Amino acid sequence: MSTLEKTIDLLQKMPEQSLESLYDFICSIWIHQDVKTELPVNSTDTSESMEGFRVLQSFAGTLPADFDYKKELEEMREEKYARFN
């Protein structure tokens, strides 16, 4: 069975809501693929991408040694969901 046939079989078994999400995801991939193919084939300029990557890396950091994950999680949950109690 080919990959296409397996995919079609799986899609036929999926609930409608999942299909809508999957369709949106596939469309977004297709759009990005079209954007990428518009670039020249011999384009090797990655400076803009690398600069964006460096900006993202600048946000990365480490947590303090005394960081209490469970306490922070509980506080955030209480803050977010307190109105529902």
C-alpha atoms as a PDB file:
ATOM      1  CA  MET A   1       0.000   0.000   0.000  1.00  0.00           C
ATOM      2  CA  SER A   2       1.445   3.365  -0.998  1.00  0.00           C
ATOM      3  CA  THR A   3       1.825   6.297   1.361  1.00  0.00           C
ATOM      4  CA  LEU A   4      -0.972   8.095  -0.461  1.00  0.00           C
ATOM      5  CA  GLU A   5      -3.309   5.138  -0.018  1.00  0.00           C
ATOM      6  CA  LYS A   6      -2.430   4.849   3.679  1.00  0.00           C
ATOM      7  CA  THR A   7      -3.047   8.565   4.147  1.00  0.00           C
ATOM      8  CA  ILE A   8      -6.418   8.447   2.389  1.00  0.00           C
ATOM      9  CA  ASP A   9      -7.424   5.456   4.505  1.00  0.00           C
ATOM     10  CA  LEU A  10      -6.474   7.317   7.672  1.00  0.00           C
ATOM     11  CA  LEU A  11      -8.280  10.481   6.569  1.00  0.00           C
ATOM     12  CA  GLN A  12     -11.464   8.522   5.941  1.00  0.00           C
ATOM     13  CA  LYS A  13     -11.386   7.290   9.551  1.00  0.00           C
ATOM     14  CA  MET A  14     -10.749  10.701  11.128  1.00  0.00           C
ATOM     15  CA  PRO A  15     -13.511  12.796  12.720  1.00  0.00           C
ATOM     16  CA  GLU A  16     -14.575  15.923  10.829  1.00  0.00           C
ATOM     17  CA  GLN A  17     -13.111  18.339  13.408  1.00  0.00           C
ATOM     18  CA  SER A  18      -9.699  16.700  13.145  1.00  0.00           C
ATOM     19  CA  LEU A  19      -9.910  16.876   9.375  1.00  0.00           C
ATOM     20  CA  GLU A  20     -10.536  20.626   9.504  1.00  0.00           C
ATOM     21  CA  SER A  21      -7.465  21.148  11.701  1.00  0.00           C
ATOM     22  CA  LEU A  22      -5.382  18.925   9.476  1.00  0.00           C
ATOM     23  CA  TYR A  23      -6.593  20.750   6.366  1.00  0.00           C
ATOM     24  CA  ASP A  24      -5.595  24.121   7.868  1.00  0.00           C
ATOM     25  CA  PHE A  25      -2.190  22.712   8.764  1.00  0.00           C
ATOM     26  CA  ILE A  26      -1.616  21.314   5.280  1.00  0.00           C
ATOM     27  CA  CYS A  27      -2.654  24.632   3.730  1.00  0.00           C
ATOM     28  CA  SER A  28      -0.161  26.484   5.910  1.00  0.00           C
ATOM     29  CA  ILE A  29       2.614  24.106   4.867  1.00  0.00           C
ATOM     30  CA  TRP A  30       1.667  24.463   1.219  1.00  0.00           C
ATOM     31  CA  ILE A  31       1.732  28.268   1.477  1.00  0.00           C
ATOM     32  CA  HIS A  32       5.195  28.188   3.071  1.00  0.00           C
ATOM     33  CA  GLN A  33       6.399  25.776   0.410  1.00  0.00           C
ATOM     34  CA  ASP A  34       5.236  28.145  -2.324  1.00  0.00           C
ATOM     35  CA  VAL A  35       7.057  31.030  -0.648  1.00  0.00           C
ATOM     36  CA  LYS A  36      10.249  28.991  -0.466  1.00  0.00           C
ATOM     37  CA  THR A  37      10.071  27.976  -4.101  1.00  0.00           C
ATOM     38  CA  GLU A  38       9.830  31.606  -5.176  1.00  0.00           C
ATOM     39  CA  LEU A  39      13.404  32.172  -3.975  1.00  0.00           C
ATOM     40  CA  PRO A  40      16.164  31.762  -6.530  1.00  0.00           C
ATOM     41  CA  VAL A  41      17.524  28.237  -6.654  1.00  0.00           C
ATOM     42  CA  ASN A  42      21.124  29.392  -6.229  1.00  0.00           C
ATOM     43  CA  SER A  43      20.293  31.677  -3.287  1.00  0.00           C
ATOM     44  CA  THR A  44      22.664  31.020  -0.388  1.00  0.00           C
ATOM     45  CA  ASP A  45      22.063  34.207   1.614  1.00  0.00           C
ATOM     46  CA  THR A  46      20.925  33.030   5.024  1.00  0.00           C
ATOM     47  CA  SER A  47      21.988  36.121   6.964  1.00  0.00           C
ATOM     48  CA  GLU A  48      18.424  37.302   7.615  1.00  0.00           C
ATOM     49  CA  SER A  49      17.392  33.863   8.866  1.00  0.00           C
ATOM     50  CA  MET A  50      20.461  33.576  11.045  1.00  0.00           C
ATOM     51  CA  GLU A  51      19.845  37.014  12.530  1.00  0.00           C
ATOM     52  CA  GLY A  52      16.315  35.968  13.417  1.00  0.00           C
ATOM     53  CA  PHE A  53      17.694  32.803  14.989  1.00  0.00           C
ATOM     54  CA  ARG A  54      20.167  34.854  17.056  1.00  0.00           C
ATOM     55  CA  VAL A  55      17.315  37.049  18.292  1.00  0.00           C
ATOM     56  CA  LEU A  56      15.402  33.957  19.383  1.00  0.00           C
ATOM     57  CA  GLN A  57      18.486  32.596  21.113  1.00  0.00           C
ATOM     58  CA  SER A  58      18.860  35.843  23.034  1.00  0.00           C
ATOM     59  CA  PHE A  59      15.564  35.072  24.785  1.00  0.00           C
ATOM     60  CA  ALA A  60      16.851  31.724  26.009  1.00  0.00           C
ATOM     61  CA  GLY A  61      18.111  31.565  29.537  1.00  0.00           C
ATOM     62  CA  THR A  62      18.386  29.416  32.567  1.00  0.00           C
ATOM     63  CA  LEU A  63      16.140  29.316  35.579  1.00  0.00           C
ATOM     64  CA  PRO A  64      17.457  30.198  39.023  1.00  0.00           C
ATOM     65  CA  ALA A  65      18.661  27.259  41.122  1.00  0.00           C
ATOM     66  CA  ASP A  66      15.865  27.821  43.644  1.00  0.00           C
ATOM     67  CA  PHE A  67      13.079  27.858  41.023  1.00  0.00           C
ATOM     68  CA  ASP A  68      10.117  25.796  42.248  1.00  0.00           C
ATOM     69  CA  TYR A  69       8.303  24.574  39.169  1.00  0.00           C
ATOM     70  CA  LYS A  70       5.369  23.032  41.050  1.00  0.00           C
ATOM     71  CA  LYS A  71       4.786  26.179  43.112  1.00  0.00           C
ATOM     72  CA  GLU A  72       4.908  28.426  40.027  1.00  0.00           C
ATOM     73  CA  LEU A  73       2.590  26.107  38.125  1.00  0.00           C
ATOM     74  CA  GLU A  74       0.070  26.067  40.967  1.00  0.00           C
ATOM     75  CA  GLU A  75       0.164  29.872  41.275  1.00  0.00           C
ATOM     76  CA  MET A  76      -0.387  30.341  37.548  1.00  0.00           C
ATOM     77  CA  ARG A  77      -3.232  27.837  37.519  1.00  0.00           C
ATOM     78  CA  GLU A  78      -4.882  29.562  40.450  1.00  0.00           C
ATOM     79  CA  GLU A  79      -4.467  32.963  38.812  1.00  0.00           C
ATOM     80  CA  LYS A  80      -5.895  31.744  35.538  1.00  0.00           C
ATOM     81  CA  TYR A  81      -8.722  29.545  36.799  1.00  0.00           C
ATOM     82  CA  ALA A  82      -9.659  31.201  40.130  1.00  0.00           C
ATOM     83  CA  ARG A  83     -12.717  32.831  38.607  1.00  0.00           C
ATOM     84  CA  PHE A  84     -14.168  29.410  37.764  1.00  0.00           C
ATOM     85  CA  ASN A  85     -14.081  28.143  41.370  1.00  0.00           C
END
